[in-house]
């Protein structure tokens, strides 16, 4: 049975990828393990019976009869408080033209002299919570701007932005796939204004899909479910998952994450059902296929694993964080040459991740190439953010003494 850190988890559809406003560096982040490319090969299996899905949504395999006592969340990510309305009236008002009003609201939310919203990629909050705490991810920023913009009489829309597949690694075993949302204000039939957490990194040529308020709410609940899971708040996570799937029972990404939830708690049979149902809903959705590979590998069901591995093998070679994960595994096994190859693959695919160079420095040190190790550590310091840069600089200073 697959448990805990023995499985590389795919938690997809976390809308939290944004550029960091303070440094304008693009943060390579959502929702969790590589988002893999489906080949032309398809794995066929029977549809999941409705009764089996009903059991998963009941929560009984996890919590027994106590599952029925778990209350579903009811927060509205787009709700405004009276204080927020007064603030919007004071800082922006309705006297400005629509275009100026949209820009002023954007600056009000982001400028350090006003709200100064601080980007936190793994923190999903309601608009009201973001207003109070002044932090959050892209979904949080979009919810806040959308809600305040509508109050100020703007014609605001929510965009899901098509961005290149971007990953991060949360902990040692969980990959994160970032997705992105922002807002759009329609000034008139000819003019629209895009409002993004990092306009310097936003590509005006990207494809966008309009999301409804309910679709944003579903993604909010999904994010909160994942954050609760990572905090080991299992009943809370279950409530968020169930609420998200109640609002949209056809969302393949959330079913995939629901499978990760069951697997994390040691219920691989239920996880398998959720992953397969996700693929039935959307055969092109990659994360559940990768999760099934690891689930079957851990069971020792080699043939089943190989079926799904054919769906994901290609993109593993294109995912820098998966290559980093492999390099780290080889490093821990003292297989230095194999680790060197994998970390170089990772760096070739992503040259802006400080952790890659740090691991490369450790590997080269083990191989006796201390000059190369020093160069790698220096590079790690160059590309790191302020906190990590200071840590690397301290290491470099110690080595040079």
Protein backbone atom coordinates (compact mmCIF):
# COMPACT_ATOMS: atom_id res chain seq x y z
CA UNK A 1 0.00 0.00 0.00
CA UNK A 2 1.39 3.40 -0.98
CA UNK A 3 1.78 5.75 1.93
CA UNK A 4 3.22 9.14 2.76
CA UNK A 5 6.56 10.02 1.28
CA UNK A 6 6.81 6.81 -0.73
CA UNK A 7 4.76 8.30 -3.57
CA UNK A 8 5.37 11.30 -5.78
CA UNK A 9 2.01 13.01 -5.69
CA UNK A 10 0.29 14.89 -8.48
CA UNK A 11 -1.92 17.61 -7.10
CA UNK A 12 -3.15 19.57 -10.06
CA UNK A 13 -5.14 22.77 -10.53
CA UNK A 14 -3.74 24.98 -7.82
CA UNK A 15 -4.26 28.51 -9.12
CA UNK A 16 -1.29 30.18 -7.48
CA UNK A 17 1.36 30.84 -10.08
CA UNK A 18 2.38 34.46 -10.36
CA UNK A 19 5.37 36.67 -10.80
CA UNK A 20 6.63 38.10 -7.53
CA UNK A 21 5.94 41.84 -7.54
CA UNK A 22 8.79 42.82 -5.24
CA UNK A 23 11.54 41.49 -7.45
CA UNK A 24 9.62 40.95 -10.69
CA UNK A 25 11.15 37.49 -10.78
CA UNK A 26 8.82 34.90 -12.27
CA UNK A 27 8.04 32.37 -9.59
CA UNK A 28 7.87 28.89 -11.05
CA UNK A 29 5.08 27.29 -9.12
CA UNK A 30 -0.45 25.40 -7.95
CA UNK A 31 -1.99 22.75 -7.98
CA UNK A 32 0.94 19.30 -7.15
CA UNK A 33 3.55 16.82 -9.16
CA UNK A 34 4.45 17.16 -12.82
CA UNK A 35 1.70 17.82 -15.33
CA UNK A 36 2.52 15.12 -17.86
CA UNK A 37 1.97 14.91 -21.60
CA UNK A 38 -0.53 12.34 -22.81
CA UNK A 39 0.72 10.34 -25.76
CA UNK A 40 -1.49 8.92 -28.46
CA UNK A 41 -1.74 5.73 -26.40
CA UNK A 42 -4.89 5.46 -24.29
CA UNK A 43 -5.63 3.17 -21.37
CA UNK A 44 -9.16 1.82 -21.48
CA UNK A 45 -11.02 0.83 -18.34
CA UNK A 46 -14.65 0.48 -17.35
CA UNK A 47 -16.51 3.58 -16.10
CA UNK A 48 -16.54 4.00 -12.35
CA UNK A 49 -19.87 3.07 -10.80
CA UNK A 50 -21.83 5.91 -9.23
CA UNK A 51 -22.07 4.02 -5.96
CA UNK A 52 -18.27 3.85 -5.68
CA UNK A 53 -18.00 7.62 -6.14
CA UNK A 54 -20.75 8.15 -3.59
CA UNK A 55 -18.73 6.18 -1.05
CA UNK A 56 -15.69 8.38 -1.66
CA UNK A 57 -17.75 11.54 -1.22
CA UNK A 58 -19.30 10.18 1.97
CA UNK A 59 -15.90 10.14 3.68
CA UNK A 60 -16.79 6.92 5.50
CA UNK A 61 -13.66 5.02 4.39
CA UNK A 62 -11.63 7.71 6.17
CA UNK A 63 -13.68 8.77 9.17
CA UNK A 64 -16.41 6.15 9.57
CA UNK A 65 -19.80 7.41 10.74
CA UNK A 66 -18.11 10.58 12.02
CA UNK A 67 -17.81 11.73 8.40
CA UNK A 68 -21.50 12.70 8.45
CA UNK A 69 -20.79 15.23 11.19
CA UNK A 70 -18.24 17.15 9.10
CA UNK A 71 -19.76 20.47 8.11
CA UNK A 72 -19.08 21.73 4.61
CA UNK A 73 -17.47 25.17 4.39
CA UNK A 74 -19.63 28.08 3.35
CA UNK A 75 -17.23 30.99 2.94
CA UNK A 76 -17.65 33.20 -0.10
CA UNK A 77 -14.27 34.19 -1.57
CA UNK A 78 -15.86 37.20 -3.29
CA UNK A 79 -17.77 38.72 -0.37
CA UNK A 80 -17.02 42.30 0.69
CA UNK A 81 -17.22 43.72 4.18
CA UNK A 82 -18.53 47.19 4.95
CA UNK A 83 -14.98 48.24 5.82
CA UNK A 84 -13.79 47.12 2.36
CA UNK A 85 -16.54 49.13 0.69
CA UNK A 86 -15.63 52.26 2.66
CA UNK A 87 -11.97 51.76 1.76
CA UNK A 88 -12.80 51.38 -1.95
CA UNK A 89 -14.91 54.55 -1.85
CA UNK A 90 -12.16 56.48 -0.08
CA UNK A 91 -9.18 55.29 -2.14
CA UNK A 92 -10.82 54.99 -5.57
CA UNK A 93 -14.40 56.27 -5.63
CA UNK A 94 -16.67 56.50 -8.65
CA UNK A 95 -15.81 59.95 -9.95
CA UNK A 96 -12.96 58.72 -12.13
CA UNK A 97 -13.48 57.43 -15.65
CA UNK A 98 -13.72 53.64 -15.84
CA UNK A 99 -10.21 53.13 -17.19
CA UNK A 100 -8.68 55.38 -14.52
CA UNK A 101 -10.84 53.72 -11.88
CA UNK A 102 -9.56 50.29 -12.92
CA UNK A 103 -5.92 51.39 -12.81
CA UNK A 104 -6.31 53.20 -9.49
CA UNK A 105 -7.87 50.13 -7.87
CA UNK A 106 -5.01 47.99 -9.21
CA UNK A 107 -2.41 50.31 -7.67
CA UNK A 108 -4.40 50.59 -4.42
CA UNK A 109 -4.28 46.83 -3.91
CA UNK A 110 -0.58 46.43 -4.76
CA UNK A 111 1.15 49.65 -3.69
CA UNK A 112 3.02 49.41 -0.35
CA UNK A 113 1.59 52.79 0.61
CA UNK A 114 -1.95 51.44 0.32
CA UNK A 115 -2.97 47.79 0.85
CA UNK A 116 0.37 46.50 -0.41
CA UNK A 117 -0.77 42.92 -1.04
CA UNK A 118 2.18 40.57 -0.47
CA UNK A 119 2.46 37.62 -2.85
CA UNK A 120 2.32 34.26 -1.07
CA UNK A 121 2.04 31.43 -3.64
CA UNK A 122 0.73 28.79 -1.24
CA UNK A 123 -1.83 30.96 0.52
CA UNK A 124 -5.42 31.06 -0.75
CA UNK A 125 -7.65 33.55 1.09
CA UNK A 126 -11.06 35.11 0.58
CA UNK A 127 -11.16 38.70 -0.59
CA UNK A 128 -12.07 39.78 2.95
CA UNK A 129 -9.19 37.81 4.49
CA UNK A 130 -6.77 39.24 1.93
CA UNK A 131 -7.93 42.75 2.78
CA UNK A 132 -7.25 42.13 6.48
CA UNK A 133 -4.01 40.16 6.10
CA UNK A 134 -2.67 41.91 2.97
CA UNK A 135 -1.27 38.74 1.45
CA UNK A 136 -2.27 35.86 -0.82
CA UNK A 137 -1.72 34.19 -4.17
CA UNK A 138 -3.00 34.98 -7.66
CA UNK A 139 -6.45 33.59 -7.00
CA UNK A 140 -6.65 35.68 -3.84
CA UNK A 141 -5.57 38.84 -5.68
CA UNK A 142 -8.07 38.20 -8.47
CA UNK A 143 -10.93 37.61 -6.02
CA UNK A 144 -10.10 40.84 -4.18
CA UNK A 145 -9.83 42.94 -7.35
CA UNK A 146 -12.95 41.40 -8.90
CA UNK A 147 -15.09 41.95 -5.81
CA UNK A 148 -13.96 45.54 -5.22
CA UNK A 149 -14.11 46.35 -8.92
CA UNK A 150 -17.71 45.20 -9.21
CA UNK A 151 -18.62 47.27 -6.16
CA UNK A 152 -17.06 50.32 -7.83
CA UNK A 153 -19.20 49.82 -10.92
CA UNK A 154 -16.57 48.27 -13.18
CA UNK A 155 -17.37 45.52 -15.66
CA UNK A 156 -14.87 42.95 -14.39
CA UNK A 157 -14.20 39.43 -15.64
CA UNK A 158 -12.10 36.58 -14.23
CA UNK A 159 -9.51 35.08 -16.60
CA UNK A 160 -7.82 31.72 -16.50
CA UNK A 161 -4.57 32.41 -18.31
CA UNK A 162 -2.87 29.82 -20.47
CA UNK A 163 0.77 29.82 -19.40
CA UNK A 164 3.64 27.41 -20.10
CA UNK A 165 3.56 24.38 -17.81
CA UNK A 166 5.49 25.42 -14.72
CA UNK A 167 6.42 23.30 -11.72
CA UNK A 168 7.81 23.64 -8.28
CA UNK A 169 8.71 21.11 -5.60
CA UNK A 170 6.98 21.37 -2.22
CA UNK A 171 8.92 19.32 0.29
CA UNK A 172 10.85 16.33 -1.01
CA UNK A 173 8.02 14.33 -2.56
CA UNK A 174 5.30 16.63 -3.85
CA UNK A 175 5.48 18.41 -7.17
CA UNK A 176 3.40 21.52 -7.69
CA UNK A 177 1.91 22.63 -10.99
CA UNK A 178 1.15 26.32 -11.20
CA UNK A 179 -1.83 27.70 -13.01
CA UNK A 180 -2.69 31.37 -13.30
CA UNK A 181 -5.72 33.64 -13.04
CA UNK A 182 -6.10 37.38 -13.34
CA UNK A 183 -8.84 39.95 -13.96
CA UNK A 184 -9.98 41.90 -17.01
CA UNK A 185 -11.95 45.14 -17.05
CA UNK A 186 -14.02 45.94 -20.10
CA UNK A 187 -14.00 49.73 -20.42
CA UNK A 188 -16.05 49.86 -23.62
CA UNK A 189 -16.64 47.71 -26.71
CA UNK A 190 -13.13 48.57 -27.98
CA UNK A 191 -11.03 48.80 -24.81
CA UNK A 192 -10.18 46.27 -22.13
CA UNK A 193 -7.64 46.42 -19.33
CA UNK A 194 -5.82 43.34 -18.00
CA UNK A 195 -5.16 43.45 -14.26
CA UNK A 196 -2.44 41.07 -13.08
CA UNK A 197 -0.46 40.63 -9.89
CA UNK A 198 2.71 41.15 -11.95
CA UNK A 199 2.10 43.16 -15.09
CA UNK A 200 5.82 43.14 -15.93
CA UNK A 201 5.72 39.37 -16.44
CA UNK A 202 2.29 39.20 -18.06
CA UNK A 203 2.35 38.25 -21.75
CA UNK A 204 -0.36 40.11 -23.63
CA UNK A 205 -0.43 37.43 -26.32
CA UNK A 206 -1.47 34.52 -24.11
CA UNK A 207 -4.79 32.73 -24.43
CA UNK A 208 -7.42 33.43 -21.77
CA UNK A 209 -10.67 31.75 -20.75
CA UNK A 210 -13.36 33.57 -18.81
CA UNK A 211 -14.35 31.92 -15.53
CA UNK A 212 -17.66 32.38 -13.77
CA UNK A 213 -17.89 33.36 -10.11
CA UNK A 214 -18.83 29.78 -9.28
CA UNK A 215 -15.82 28.39 -11.17
CA UNK A 216 -13.52 30.70 -9.20
CA UNK A 217 -15.25 29.59 -5.99
CA UNK A 218 -14.71 25.93 -6.88
CA UNK A 219 -11.01 26.56 -7.39
CA UNK A 220 -10.89 28.45 -4.11
CA UNK A 221 -12.30 25.42 -2.27
CA UNK A 222 -9.89 23.12 -4.10
CA UNK A 223 -6.92 25.24 -3.07
CA UNK A 224 -8.08 25.39 0.53
CA UNK A 225 -8.49 21.61 0.50
CA UNK A 226 -4.89 21.13 -0.63
CA UNK A 227 -3.56 23.62 1.88
CA UNK A 228 -5.50 21.89 4.67
CA UNK A 229 -4.16 18.52 3.54
CA UNK A 230 -0.58 19.79 3.65
CA UNK A 231 -1.26 21.09 7.16
CA UNK A 232 -2.53 17.59 8.17
CA UNK A 233 -6.02 19.00 8.80
CA UNK A 234 -7.75 16.02 7.24
CA UNK A 235 -11.39 16.61 8.17
CA UNK A 236 -11.10 20.21 7.08
CA UNK A 237 -9.52 19.12 3.78
CA UNK A 238 -12.30 16.60 3.22
CA UNK A 239 -14.93 19.28 3.75
CA UNK A 240 -13.32 21.57 1.20
CA UNK A 241 -12.95 18.76 -1.35
CA UNK A 242 -16.55 17.65 -0.93
CA UNK A 243 -17.80 21.23 -1.27
CA UNK A 244 -15.75 21.74 -4.46
CA UNK A 245 -17.04 18.50 -5.99
CA UNK A 246 -20.61 19.29 -4.92
CA UNK A 247 -20.38 22.54 -6.86
CA UNK A 248 -18.67 20.90 -9.86
CA UNK A 249 -18.76 17.08 -9.88
CA UNK A 250 -17.22 16.98 -13.37
CA UNK A 251 -13.91 18.66 -12.55
CA UNK A 252 -11.21 16.08 -13.37
CA UNK A 253 -8.45 18.04 -11.63
CA UNK A 254 -10.28 18.10 -8.32
CA UNK A 255 -11.05 14.37 -8.53
CA UNK A 256 -7.33 13.80 -9.10
CA UNK A 257 -6.49 15.84 -6.01
CA UNK A 258 -9.20 13.99 -4.08
CA UNK A 259 -7.41 10.78 -5.01
CA UNK A 260 -4.16 12.21 -3.66
CA UNK A 261 -6.00 12.98 -0.43
CA UNK A 262 -7.18 9.37 -0.07
CA UNK A 263 -3.73 8.04 -0.96
CA UNK A 264 -2.02 10.26 1.59
CA UNK A 265 -4.23 8.71 4.26
CA UNK A 266 -3.34 5.17 3.16
CA UNK A 267 -6.48 4.34 1.15
CA UNK A 268 -5.05 3.40 -2.24
CA UNK A 269 -8.16 1.52 -3.42
CA UNK A 270 -10.28 4.65 -3.07
CA UNK A 271 -7.44 6.74 -4.56
CA UNK A 272 -7.38 4.45 -7.60
CA UNK A 273 -11.11 5.01 -8.11
CA UNK A 274 -10.70 8.79 -7.96
CA UNK A 275 -7.72 8.81 -10.37
CA UNK A 276 -9.52 6.61 -12.91
CA UNK A 277 -12.67 8.70 -12.67
CA UNK A 278 -10.59 11.83 -13.32
CA UNK A 279 -9.23 10.24 -16.49
CA UNK A 280 -12.72 9.21 -17.56
CA UNK A 281 -13.90 12.79 -17.17
CA UNK A 282 -10.92 14.20 -19.06
CA UNK A 283 -8.66 11.69 -20.84
CA UNK A 284 -6.17 14.46 -21.68
CA UNK A 285 -5.64 15.31 -18.01
CA UNK A 286 -2.15 14.10 -17.10
CA UNK A 287 -1.73 14.18 -13.29
CA UNK A 288 -4.02 11.22 -12.44
CA UNK A 289 -2.16 9.04 -14.94
CA UNK A 290 1.14 9.74 -13.17
CA UNK A 291 -0.44 9.07 -9.82
CA UNK A 292 -1.67 5.72 -11.08
CA UNK A 293 1.86 4.82 -12.20
CA UNK A 294 3.20 5.34 -8.70
CA UNK A 295 0.22 3.69 -7.07
CA UNK A 296 0.66 0.50 -9.15
CA UNK A 297 4.44 0.54 -8.75
CA UNK A 298 4.05 0.61 -4.99
CA UNK A 299 1.60 -2.27 -5.18
CA UNK A 300 4.00 -4.26 -7.34
CA UNK A 301 1.49 -4.34 -10.23
CA UNK A 302 4.09 -3.84 -12.95
CA UNK A 303 1.87 -4.38 -15.98
CA UNK A 304 -0.74 -1.90 -14.80
CA UNK A 305 2.00 0.63 -14.04
CA UNK A 306 3.48 0.25 -17.51
CA UNK A 307 0.13 0.99 -19.16
CA UNK A 308 -0.03 4.40 -17.53
CA UNK A 309 3.69 5.01 -17.76
CA UNK A 310 3.35 5.11 -21.54
CA UNK A 311 1.09 8.11 -21.05
CA UNK A 312 3.60 10.08 -19.02
CA UNK A 313 7.15 8.99 -19.89
CA UNK A 314 7.88 11.69 -22.44
CA UNK A 315 7.12 14.63 -20.23
CA UNK A 316 9.20 13.39 -17.32
CA UNK A 317 12.24 14.19 -19.41
CA UNK A 318 10.92 17.72 -19.95
CA UNK A 319 10.11 18.49 -16.33
CA UNK A 320 13.06 20.16 -14.55
CA UNK A 321 11.70 19.50 -11.07
CA UNK A 322 11.22 15.83 -11.81
CA UNK A 323 14.84 15.68 -12.97
CA UNK A 324 15.81 17.43 -9.72
CA UNK A 325 13.80 14.89 -7.75
CA UNK A 326 15.66 12.04 -9.46
CA UNK A 327 19.02 13.74 -8.88
CA UNK A 328 18.20 14.10 -5.20
CA UNK A 329 17.27 10.42 -4.97
CA UNK A 330 20.52 9.37 -6.65
CA UNK A 331 22.44 11.72 -4.35
CA UNK A 332 20.85 10.17 -1.27
CA UNK A 333 21.82 6.74 -2.64
CA UNK A 334 25.41 7.98 -3.18
CA UNK A 335 25.12 7.36 -6.92
CA UNK A 336 27.06 10.51 -7.69
CA UNK A 337 27.49 10.20 -11.48
CA UNK A 338 23.81 9.48 -12.07
CA UNK A 339 22.92 12.37 -9.79
CA UNK A 340 25.24 14.65 -11.79
CA UNK A 341 23.50 13.73 -15.06
CA UNK A 342 20.02 14.35 -13.70
CA UNK A 343 20.84 17.68 -12.06
CA UNK A 344 22.46 18.89 -15.28
CA UNK A 345 19.24 17.93 -17.09
CA UNK A 346 17.28 19.99 -14.59
CA UNK A 347 19.55 23.02 -15.02
CA UNK A 348 19.36 22.78 -18.81
CA UNK A 349 15.56 22.94 -18.54
CA UNK A 350 15.47 25.70 -15.90
CA UNK A 351 18.49 27.92 -15.32
CA UNK A 352 16.87 30.14 -12.68
CA UNK A 353 16.30 27.74 -9.79
CA UNK A 354 18.80 28.12 -6.94
CA UNK A 355 18.08 24.68 -5.49
CA UNK A 356 19.35 23.02 -8.66
CA UNK A 357 22.75 24.71 -8.40
CA UNK A 358 22.96 24.01 -4.67
CA UNK A 359 22.43 20.29 -5.26
CA UNK A 360 24.91 20.39 -8.14
CA UNK A 361 27.48 21.91 -5.78
CA UNK A 362 26.91 19.11 -3.28
CA UNK A 363 27.24 16.47 -6.00
CA UNK A 364 30.41 17.96 -7.44
CA UNK A 365 31.88 18.15 -3.93
CA UNK A 366 31.26 14.42 -3.52
CA UNK A 367 32.92 13.80 -6.89
CA UNK A 368 36.00 15.74 -5.76
CA UNK A 369 35.56 18.61 -8.22
CA UNK A 370 35.70 21.39 -5.66
CA UNK A 371 36.24 24.17 -8.22
CA UNK A 372 33.05 23.22 -10.03
CA UNK A 373 31.24 22.91 -6.68
CA UNK A 374 32.28 26.48 -5.82
CA UNK A 375 31.04 27.78 -9.20
CA UNK A 376 27.69 26.05 -8.70
CA UNK A 377 27.28 27.48 -5.22
CA UNK A 378 28.15 30.94 -6.55
CA UNK A 379 25.49 30.54 -9.24
CA UNK A 380 22.95 29.46 -6.61
CA UNK A 381 23.60 32.73 -4.76
CA UNK A 382 23.23 34.74 -7.98
CA UNK A 383 19.76 33.42 -8.89
CA UNK A 384 18.34 33.07 -5.35
CA UNK A 385 15.96 35.49 -3.67
CA UNK A 386 17.25 37.64 -0.81
CA UNK A 387 16.78 35.16 2.06
CA UNK A 388 18.37 32.20 0.27
CA UNK A 389 21.06 34.37 -1.29
CA UNK A 390 22.28 35.38 2.16
CA UNK A 391 22.47 31.74 3.17
CA UNK A 392 24.59 30.83 0.13
CA UNK A 393 26.81 33.85 0.61
CA UNK A 394 27.52 32.74 4.17
CA UNK A 395 28.53 29.30 2.86
CA UNK A 396 30.76 30.88 0.21
CA UNK A 397 32.38 33.14 2.81
CA UNK A 398 33.13 30.12 5.02
CA UNK A 399 34.66 28.22 2.09
CA UNK A 400 36.86 31.16 1.12
CA UNK A 401 38.30 31.61 4.60
